[in-house]
Structures are given as structure tokens and as C-alpha cells.
Amino acid sequence: MAEQPRVPALRRAAVVLQQISDSDRPMSLAELTQRTGLPKSSVMGICHALTDESLLARGVDGSYALGSRLFELASAARAHGLPIDDIGFSYPVAESFFVAEIDALHAEADRLGARLHVHTAKEDRSTQSRQIVEFVAAGVDLILVEPVATDGLEEACAHARAARIPVIAIGSAVSGADAVVATDNTKAGFLAGTALATTLGGRGRVAVVGGIPITANSDRIAGFLAAIAPHQHIEVVATSYGELDVESGRRAATEILATDPAVDGFFAANDQIAIGISRVLRARKLSVPIVGVDGARNAVEQIRAGGPIVATATQDPAALVRAAMDIGIALHAGAHVSRPSRYLAPRLIDVHNAAGYEPWG
């Protein structure tokens, strides 16, 4: 006979907390009842008790999210684990999103009393691979990577694993990394695509401008294409790939409009590309809507001002960094991580809610 839990109520409370943790979003009482298989009255009682202790937080719509006390306990648990003295971070280029991540990493390193070693790979795969190997040689405790490419870093990651140094990919998957923390980029692209289709009234000729060869960009484009697929009168007439910065967007828009000046809308893989596109459109006095991904301040300012950027699907660089650090510290301590891949939910920012959104950057 299987051994029964010594404190059944505690076991049920743990099940409820795990369900909410796994969902990455608030959950209703009905959802929790269905997911846990527990009686509704039991789930309600557990949620009320956990809320009273600030282990859960109840929203105005009646849904439940993880509470502030849980995060305090998690912070304390991290502090009691094996110390993190040195953190290595390699990122593609000094674009605003990565700069925001670096700021968040500095805050995390300061809280831990750790040294942060930051290097830009300048969108070069071999450079990033070499930086990972150099981090291993320097004896860092944890390596974080914003990848310049999904593939091609396997050997460097294996070198880190042999040295028992966790490698956490942030923002996009990396073949060979121990874990990944990213935005749900397919959903982000879908949200942006839906917004553009609505703006165009379900018809028009659109251009897609992507970035470097990472899953974040390919997933966003896939989500965008899925969103516009039901609209038979929306046609993708141009697709361009480049880097992740403003200049890349400016160059892509110039080339696309030189070939096909009758483009009705643009999808940009990130907000800085969108900013570059918008500069070309403004210079030519063209009223063409642009949608992007990031939720960056300069894009949101354009949404508030009436365009040409009309919508962006959000990312949260600080939340991505905190989640990556949580997983990395646990792996460094030798703990088992049940969900080594975490994808944070984006939301769409457009003219209807931009005034109440606090952008990063």
C-alpha cells in the first residue's frame, strides 16, 4: 500500500500552488478545481487560507496568483543555497532590450553579492561560443546567454556542463543549454498579427522583417503568419532578415519599398526594427501601420502618439532575468528543476491600453 501523506491538507495546498506556478498566469477557482481533481469546496478553502498568509494573491476577477510571501521565501531559499560569486552573461548587441536585461542582472548580482561579467558577441556565433568557454576557464558559477543563434553553441555548452556550470538561455532557445527562459514568442507574433489584420480591416499587402537566426524570431514570424492566415485578402509580399537594431529596420524598409512601394503594413520581429521602419515611413510621409514585439518605451510612445507603430506584444526583460536566475541558482545548487523551460506570457499594447502600460527602456 502506498504511504499516505502525513498532512493531507498540506499536500493539497502544495498541489494548488504547483498548478498556479506551472500555469505562468492567474487561475480561476474553476480551473484549479478541474486541474487538481479536488472538490471545489476544498480548493476554495485552501485558496482562502493561502491568501490569508499571502502565499496566494486574489485578483479583482476572483483569480489566484502566487503571493508576495512566496517570493520572499524563494529569495531566502536562494540566499541559503550554494553561493554564487561570479555570473557570466553573453549577449548579441547593445540593443535596448539587452541593455534592460543587463540592468536587471546587475540588480540580481548586487543582491547576491556576486560579480557580473558581461560581454557582447556582436551577433557572431563563434565569438559567443568562445565567450562561453572563457567563462568556464574563469571559473564562473553561472552562465547566462542571450543567443546570437539557436544552433552552433553545443560544444561550448558541453564544455560548461563538463565543468558543472549551468548554462541558461534567455529570450530564445539554445541547443545544448541546461534551461531556457523566454517570452511565448509564437503568441507574441500572433497577437501582433491579429492587431495588424484588424487595423487593415482584413485586407492588404504586408511585409515581414525578421532578425537573427534564433527561435525567438522564427517563432514570432510563425505566430504572425498564423494570425493572418484566415484572412484571404491579406498577402505577404516581402520578407526580409537582418539584425535586431534600428538600422536593420531602416535598411529593410528602404529595400522593400524600393521594390514594392504599395505595402499596406509591416510586421517587425522586434520594436527596434519597427522604429527603423517608422523612420523611413515618416521621411516619405507614408501612413502605413507597423506592429512589433517587445513593449519598449520608444515603440509605446509612437502608439500613444498615433503611429506609425500601432501595436506591440510585450516582453519583460527584468522578469526574464529573475526567472533565469531562479533556475540557474537552483541548478548550481544541484537541485532538480521540474520545468527547465519557462515561457512568459506576452500581452498586446495598442491605442486602447497604451496609456496605462508602463514600458521598459
Protein backbone atom coordinates (compact mmCIF):
# COMPACT_ATOMS: atom_id res chain seq x y z
CA MET A 1 0.00 0.00 0.00
CA ALA A 2 1.32 3.46 -0.94
CA GLU A 3 2.29 5.60 2.02
CA GLN A 4 -0.28 8.32 2.70
CA PRO A 5 0.94 11.90 3.14
CA ARG A 6 1.33 12.74 6.83
CA VAL A 7 -0.53 16.05 6.47
CA PRO A 8 -3.09 15.68 3.67
CA ALA A 9 -4.13 19.36 3.83
CA LEU A 10 -0.53 20.46 3.33
CA ARG A 11 -0.18 18.10 0.38
CA ARG A 12 -3.33 19.52 -1.23
CA ALA A 13 -2.10 23.08 -0.68
CA ALA A 14 1.18 22.16 -2.38
CA VAL A 15 -0.75 20.76 -5.34
CA VAL A 16 -2.70 24.02 -5.71
CA LEU A 17 0.47 26.12 -5.53
CA GLN A 18 2.21 23.91 -8.10
CA GLN A 19 -0.69 24.24 -10.54
CA ILE A 20 -0.59 28.03 -10.36
CA SER A 21 3.21 28.03 -10.64
CA ASP A 22 3.09 25.81 -13.73
CA SER A 23 0.44 27.95 -15.46
CA ASP A 24 2.53 31.18 -15.57
CA ARG A 25 -0.75 33.12 -15.17
CA PRO A 26 -3.51 33.61 -12.61
CA MET A 27 -6.04 30.77 -12.42
CA SER A 28 -9.72 30.78 -11.54
CA LEU A 29 -11.26 28.59 -8.86
CA ALA A 30 -12.96 26.52 -11.56
CA GLU A 31 -9.65 25.93 -13.37
CA LEU A 32 -7.90 24.90 -10.16
CA THR A 33 -10.72 22.50 -9.30
CA GLN A 34 -10.50 20.90 -12.74
CA ARG A 35 -6.68 20.72 -12.78
CA THR A 36 -6.24 19.36 -9.25
CA GLY A 37 -9.19 16.97 -9.24
CA LEU A 38 -10.01 18.12 -5.71
CA PRO A 39 -13.53 19.05 -4.53
CA LYS A 40 -14.41 22.67 -5.24
CA SER A 41 -15.08 23.34 -1.56
CA SER A 42 -11.61 22.04 -0.65
CA VAL A 43 -9.90 24.16 -3.32
CA MET A 44 -11.83 27.23 -2.15
CA GLY A 45 -10.80 26.65 1.46
CA ILE A 46 -7.16 26.10 0.50
CA CYS A 47 -7.09 29.25 -1.64
CA HIS A 48 -8.63 31.34 1.13
CA ALA A 49 -6.13 30.04 3.68
CA LEU A 50 -3.15 30.60 1.37
CA THR A 51 -4.39 34.10 0.53
CA ASP A 52 -4.66 34.94 4.25
CA GLU A 53 -0.96 34.01 4.57
CA SER A 54 -0.01 35.99 1.41
CA LEU A 55 1.11 32.77 -0.24
CA LEU A 56 -1.54 33.47 -2.88
CA ALA A 57 -2.95 36.78 -4.12
CA ARG A 58 -6.58 37.07 -5.21
CA GLY A 59 -7.32 39.31 -8.19
CA VAL A 60 -10.36 41.53 -8.63
CA ASP A 61 -11.75 38.95 -11.05
CA GLY A 62 -11.51 36.21 -8.42
CA SER A 63 -8.48 34.51 -9.96
CA TYR A 64 -5.46 33.43 -7.91
CA ALA A 65 -1.76 34.14 -8.47
CA LEU A 66 1.36 33.42 -6.42
CA GLY A 67 1.59 35.78 -3.45
CA SER A 68 4.30 38.10 -2.21
CA ARG A 69 5.30 35.87 0.70
CA LEU A 70 6.21 33.04 -1.68
CA PHE A 71 8.67 35.30 -3.45
CA GLU A 72 10.16 36.33 -0.11
CA LEU A 73 10.58 32.67 0.82
CA ALA A 74 12.11 31.89 -2.57
CA SER A 75 14.58 34.75 -2.10
CA ALA A 76 15.52 33.43 1.32
CA ALA A 77 15.95 29.91 -0.05
CA ARG A 78 18.28 31.21 -2.73
CA ALA A 79 20.34 33.02 -0.13
CA HIS A 80 20.79 29.75 1.82
CA GLY A 81 21.95 27.79 -1.24
CA LEU A 82 25.47 27.44 -2.57
CA PRO A 83 26.90 30.94 -3.04
CA ILE A 84 27.01 32.50 -6.47
CA ASP A 85 30.19 34.56 -6.68
CA ASP A 86 30.57 35.08 -10.44
CA ILE A 87 27.99 35.29 -13.24
CA GLY A 88 28.85 35.41 -16.93
CA PHE A 89 26.48 36.95 -19.48
CA SER A 90 26.95 36.93 -23.26
CA TYR A 91 24.51 38.84 -25.46
CA PRO A 92 24.26 39.72 -29.16
CA VAL A 93 24.49 43.51 -29.40
CA ALA A 94 23.89 46.68 -27.36
CA GLU A 95 20.23 46.94 -28.34
CA SER A 96 17.84 48.42 -25.76
CA PHE A 97 16.22 45.12 -24.75
CA PHE A 98 19.55 43.54 -23.91
CA VAL A 99 20.64 46.69 -22.08
CA ALA A 100 17.50 46.38 -19.94
CA GLU A 101 18.41 42.76 -19.21
CA ILE A 102 21.92 43.82 -18.19
CA ASP A 103 20.46 46.39 -15.78
CA ALA A 104 18.28 43.67 -14.25
CA LEU A 105 21.28 41.34 -14.00
CA HIS A 106 23.29 43.99 -12.18
CA ALA A 107 20.47 44.27 -9.65
CA GLU A 108 20.42 40.48 -9.20
CA ALA A 109 24.20 40.30 -8.87
CA ASP A 110 24.21 43.11 -6.31
CA ARG A 111 21.54 41.32 -4.27
CA LEU A 112 23.63 38.15 -4.26
CA GLY A 113 26.91 39.96 -3.68
CA ALA A 114 28.19 38.45 -6.94
CA ARG A 115 30.43 39.78 -9.68
CA LEU A 116 28.83 40.15 -13.12
CA HIS A 117 30.94 39.64 -16.24
CA VAL A 118 29.21 40.98 -19.37
CA HIS A 119 30.41 40.51 -22.95
CA THR A 120 28.78 41.33 -26.27
CA ALA A 121 29.13 38.72 -29.01
CA LYS A 122 28.36 41.32 -31.72
CA GLU A 123 25.92 38.87 -33.34
CA ASP A 124 28.78 36.46 -34.09
CA ARG A 125 28.27 32.79 -33.26
CA SER A 126 31.95 31.91 -32.92
CA THR A 127 32.53 34.89 -30.64
CA GLN A 128 29.68 33.84 -28.36
CA SER A 129 30.93 30.26 -28.30
CA ARG A 130 34.40 31.48 -27.32
CA GLN A 131 32.94 33.68 -24.59
CA ILE A 132 31.16 30.72 -23.00
CA VAL A 133 34.42 28.75 -23.00
CA GLU A 134 36.21 31.76 -21.46
CA PHE A 135 33.58 31.97 -18.72
CA VAL A 136 34.26 28.32 -17.92
CA ALA A 137 38.00 28.92 -17.79
CA ALA A 138 37.43 31.86 -15.45
CA GLY A 139 35.52 29.60 -13.08
CA VAL A 140 32.19 31.44 -13.02
CA ASP A 141 29.32 29.81 -11.15
CA LEU A 142 26.58 30.50 -13.67
CA ILE A 143 26.45 31.38 -17.39
CA LEU A 144 23.54 33.25 -18.96
CA VAL A 145 23.29 33.56 -22.73
CA GLU A 146 21.11 35.73 -24.95
CA PRO A 147 21.94 33.75 -28.08
CA VAL A 148 23.04 35.06 -31.45
CA ALA A 149 21.90 31.74 -32.95
CA THR A 150 19.94 28.73 -31.74
CA ASP A 151 22.47 26.24 -33.12
CA GLY A 152 26.24 26.24 -33.07
CA LEU A 153 26.87 26.67 -29.32
CA GLU A 154 26.54 22.97 -28.43
CA GLU A 155 30.27 22.33 -27.97
CA ALA A 156 30.71 25.35 -25.71
CA CYS A 157 27.65 24.36 -23.64
CA ALA A 158 29.02 20.82 -23.31
CA HIS A 159 32.30 22.30 -22.07
CA ALA A 160 30.38 24.19 -19.38
CA ARG A 161 28.36 21.10 -18.43
CA ALA A 162 31.56 19.10 -18.00
CA ALA A 163 32.70 21.77 -15.55
CA ARG A 164 29.31 21.59 -13.76
CA ILE A 165 28.46 25.18 -14.65
CA PRO A 166 24.81 25.69 -15.65
CA VAL A 167 24.08 27.49 -18.91
CA ILE A 168 20.73 29.27 -19.05
CA ALA A 169 19.45 30.66 -22.34
CA ILE A 170 17.40 33.84 -22.04
CA GLY A 171 14.97 35.07 -24.68
CA SER A 172 15.46 32.21 -27.12
CA ALA A 173 16.33 28.51 -27.06
CA VAL A 174 19.92 27.31 -27.38
CA SER A 175 20.81 23.76 -28.37
CA GLY A 176 22.87 22.39 -25.50
CA ALA A 177 21.78 24.82 -22.79
CA ASP A 178 20.54 23.42 -19.48
CA ALA A 179 17.42 25.60 -19.45
CA VAL A 180 15.66 28.35 -21.35
CA VAL A 181 13.56 31.27 -20.14
CA ALA A 182 11.78 33.20 -22.86
CA THR A 183 8.64 35.01 -23.81
CA ASP A 184 5.99 32.91 -25.55
CA ASN A 185 7.18 34.31 -28.85
CA THR A 186 4.68 32.44 -31.01
CA LYS A 187 1.86 34.03 -29.04
CA ALA A 188 3.58 37.42 -29.25
CA GLY A 189 3.70 37.16 -33.04
CA PHE A 190 0.09 36.02 -33.10
CA LEU A 191 -1.03 39.00 -31.01
CA ALA A 192 0.84 41.41 -33.28
CA GLY A 193 -0.54 39.73 -36.43
CA THR A 194 -4.09 39.91 -35.12
CA ALA A 195 -3.62 43.61 -34.40
CA LEU A 196 -2.33 44.31 -37.91
CA ALA A 197 -5.15 42.32 -39.52
CA THR A 198 -7.67 44.35 -37.51
CA THR A 199 -6.00 47.64 -38.42
CA LEU A 200 -6.07 46.72 -42.12
CA GLY A 201 -9.67 45.57 -41.98
CA GLY A 202 -8.70 42.06 -43.09
CA ARG A 203 -7.13 43.03 -46.41
CA GLY A 204 -3.81 44.40 -47.60
CA ARG A 205 -0.28 43.70 -48.78
CA VAL A 206 2.14 43.29 -45.86
CA ALA A 207 5.89 42.93 -45.34
CA VAL A 208 7.67 40.87 -42.69
CA VAL A 209 11.03 42.00 -41.30
CA GLY A 210 12.82 39.40 -39.17
CA GLY A 211 16.07 39.36 -37.22
CA ILE A 212 18.95 36.98 -36.48
CA PRO A 213 18.56 33.15 -36.71
CA ILE A 214 17.17 32.42 -33.24
CA THR A 215 13.93 30.70 -32.26
CA ALA A 216 12.54 33.94 -30.82
CA ASN A 217 12.45 35.50 -34.28
CA SER A 218 11.25 32.42 -36.16
CA ASP A 219 8.53 31.80 -33.56
CA ARG A 220 7.30 35.38 -33.78
CA ILE A 221 7.08 35.19 -37.55
CA ALA A 222 5.28 31.84 -37.34
CA GLY A 223 2.78 33.33 -34.90
CA PHE A 224 2.25 36.36 -37.12
CA LEU A 225 1.64 34.20 -40.19
CA ALA A 226 -0.80 32.02 -38.24
CA ALA A 227 -2.76 35.12 -37.21
CA ILE A 228 -3.16 36.46 -40.74
CA ALA A 229 -3.72 33.05 -42.38
CA PRO A 230 -7.53 33.13 -42.02
CA HIS A 231 -7.62 36.49 -43.84
CA GLN A 232 -7.66 35.54 -47.51
CA HIS A 233 -7.22 39.13 -48.61
CA ILE A 234 -4.01 39.74 -46.66
CA GLU A 235 -0.92 38.85 -48.68
CA VAL A 236 2.73 38.76 -47.59
CA VAL A 237 4.54 40.46 -50.46
CA ALA A 238 8.04 40.80 -48.95
CA THR A 239 10.15 39.12 -46.27
CA SER A 240 13.48 40.47 -45.09
CA TYR A 241 16.01 39.34 -42.47
CA GLY A 242 18.74 41.35 -40.79
CA GLU A 243 19.90 42.24 -37.32
CA LEU A 244 17.94 43.45 -34.30
CA ASP A 245 18.54 47.20 -34.35
CA VAL A 246 17.04 50.39 -35.74
CA GLU A 247 19.42 50.50 -38.68
CA SER A 248 18.35 47.00 -39.72
CA GLY A 249 14.72 48.13 -39.84
CA ARG A 250 15.58 51.27 -41.75
CA ARG A 251 17.58 49.33 -44.31
CA ALA A 252 14.89 46.67 -44.74
CA ALA A 253 12.10 49.22 -45.22
CA THR A 254 14.14 51.14 -47.78
CA GLU A 255 14.85 47.98 -49.79
CA ILE A 256 11.28 46.69 -49.58
CA LEU A 257 9.69 49.98 -50.63
CA ALA A 258 12.16 50.33 -53.50
CA THR A 259 10.85 47.03 -54.89
CA ASP A 260 7.22 47.36 -53.86
CA PRO A 261 6.07 50.84 -52.82
CA ALA A 262 2.45 49.72 -52.33
CA VAL A 263 2.97 47.91 -49.00
CA ASP A 264 -0.01 48.37 -46.66
CA GLY A 265 1.53 47.17 -43.39
CA PHE A 266 4.71 45.92 -41.70
CA PHE A 267 5.42 43.26 -39.09
CA ALA A 268 8.75 43.74 -37.29
CA ALA A 269 10.35 40.98 -35.23
CA ASN A 270 11.25 43.48 -32.51
CA ASP A 271 10.46 47.08 -31.63
CA GLN A 272 13.84 48.50 -32.65
CA ILE A 273 13.37 47.12 -36.17
CA ALA A 274 9.90 48.70 -36.06
CA ILE A 275 11.42 52.05 -35.07
CA GLY A 276 13.78 51.88 -38.07
CA ILE A 277 10.86 51.14 -40.39
CA SER A 278 8.86 54.01 -38.92
CA ARG A 279 11.66 56.49 -39.64
CA VAL A 280 11.60 55.58 -43.32
CA LEU A 281 7.81 55.86 -43.48
CA ARG A 282 7.80 59.23 -41.75
CA ALA A 283 10.50 60.57 -44.04
CA ARG A 284 8.34 59.60 -47.00
CA LYS A 285 5.12 60.82 -45.34
CA LEU A 286 3.58 57.35 -45.70
CA SER A 287 0.72 56.35 -43.40
CA VAL A 288 1.44 52.62 -43.13
CA PRO A 289 0.82 50.74 -39.84
CA ILE A 290 3.60 48.77 -38.15
CA VAL A 291 3.31 46.11 -35.45
CA GLY A 292 6.21 44.73 -33.45
CA VAL A 293 7.25 42.77 -30.38
CA ASP A 294 8.88 43.98 -27.14
CA GLY A 295 6.78 46.64 -25.40
CA ALA A 296 9.72 49.07 -25.48
CA ARG A 297 9.29 52.68 -24.44
CA ASN A 298 10.08 54.26 -27.82
CA ALA A 299 7.54 52.00 -29.56
CA VAL A 300 4.85 52.65 -26.96
CA GLU A 301 5.39 56.40 -27.34
CA GLN A 302 4.57 56.06 -31.04
CA ILE A 303 1.43 54.05 -30.25
CA ARG A 304 0.29 56.78 -27.86
CA ALA A 305 1.04 59.44 -30.47
CA GLY A 306 -0.94 57.71 -33.22
CA GLY A 307 1.68 55.73 -35.11
CA PRO A 308 3.04 54.60 -37.43
CA ILE A 309 3.69 51.85 -34.85
CA VAL A 310 0.16 50.86 -33.83
CA ALA A 311 0.75 47.81 -31.59
CA THR A 312 3.45 45.80 -29.83
CA ALA A 313 3.36 42.49 -27.97
CA THR A 314 5.20 42.84 -24.67
CA GLN A 315 8.29 41.26 -23.22
CA ASP A 316 9.56 41.85 -19.67
CA PRO A 317 13.37 41.80 -19.57
CA ALA A 318 13.53 42.04 -15.78
CA ALA A 319 11.10 39.13 -15.30
CA LEU A 320 13.05 37.01 -17.78
CA VAL A 321 16.27 37.68 -15.89
CA ARG A 322 14.73 36.89 -12.50
CA ALA A 323 13.28 33.61 -13.77
CA ALA A 324 16.61 32.67 -15.38
CA MET A 325 18.45 33.42 -12.15
CA ASP A 326 15.97 31.32 -10.14
CA ILE A 327 16.59 28.31 -12.39
CA GLY A 328 20.33 28.91 -12.61
CA ILE A 329 20.79 29.17 -8.85
CA ALA A 330 18.77 26.00 -8.32
CA LEU A 331 20.85 24.11 -10.89
CA HIS A 332 24.07 25.47 -9.39
CA ALA A 333 22.96 24.08 -6.02
CA GLY A 334 22.35 20.67 -7.60
CA ALA A 335 18.58 20.85 -7.28
CA HIS A 336 16.21 19.15 -9.70
CA VAL A 337 14.27 21.70 -11.76
CA SER A 338 10.92 20.30 -12.87
CA ARG A 339 10.41 22.92 -15.59
CA PRO A 340 13.78 23.86 -17.13
CA SER A 341 11.93 25.67 -19.93
CA ARG A 342 9.73 28.60 -18.93
CA TYR A 343 7.80 30.81 -21.31
CA LEU A 344 6.31 34.05 -20.04
CA ALA A 345 3.02 35.25 -21.47
CA PRO A 346 3.02 38.46 -23.55
CA ARG A 347 0.17 40.96 -23.82
CA LEU A 348 -0.79 43.27 -26.66
CA ILE A 349 -0.32 47.01 -26.24
CA ASP A 350 -2.27 49.23 -28.63
CA VAL A 351 -4.08 52.56 -28.59
CA HIS A 352 -6.73 51.18 -26.24
CA ASN A 353 -4.41 50.38 -23.34
CA ALA A 354 -1.07 52.10 -24.05
CA ALA A 355 -1.81 54.96 -21.65
CA GLY A 356 -1.95 52.58 -18.69
CA TYR A 357 1.06 50.46 -19.62
CA GLU A 358 4.44 51.15 -18.03
CA PRO A 359 7.04 50.29 -20.71
CA TRP A 360 10.63 49.29 -20.07
CA GLY A 361 13.58 51.14 -21.58
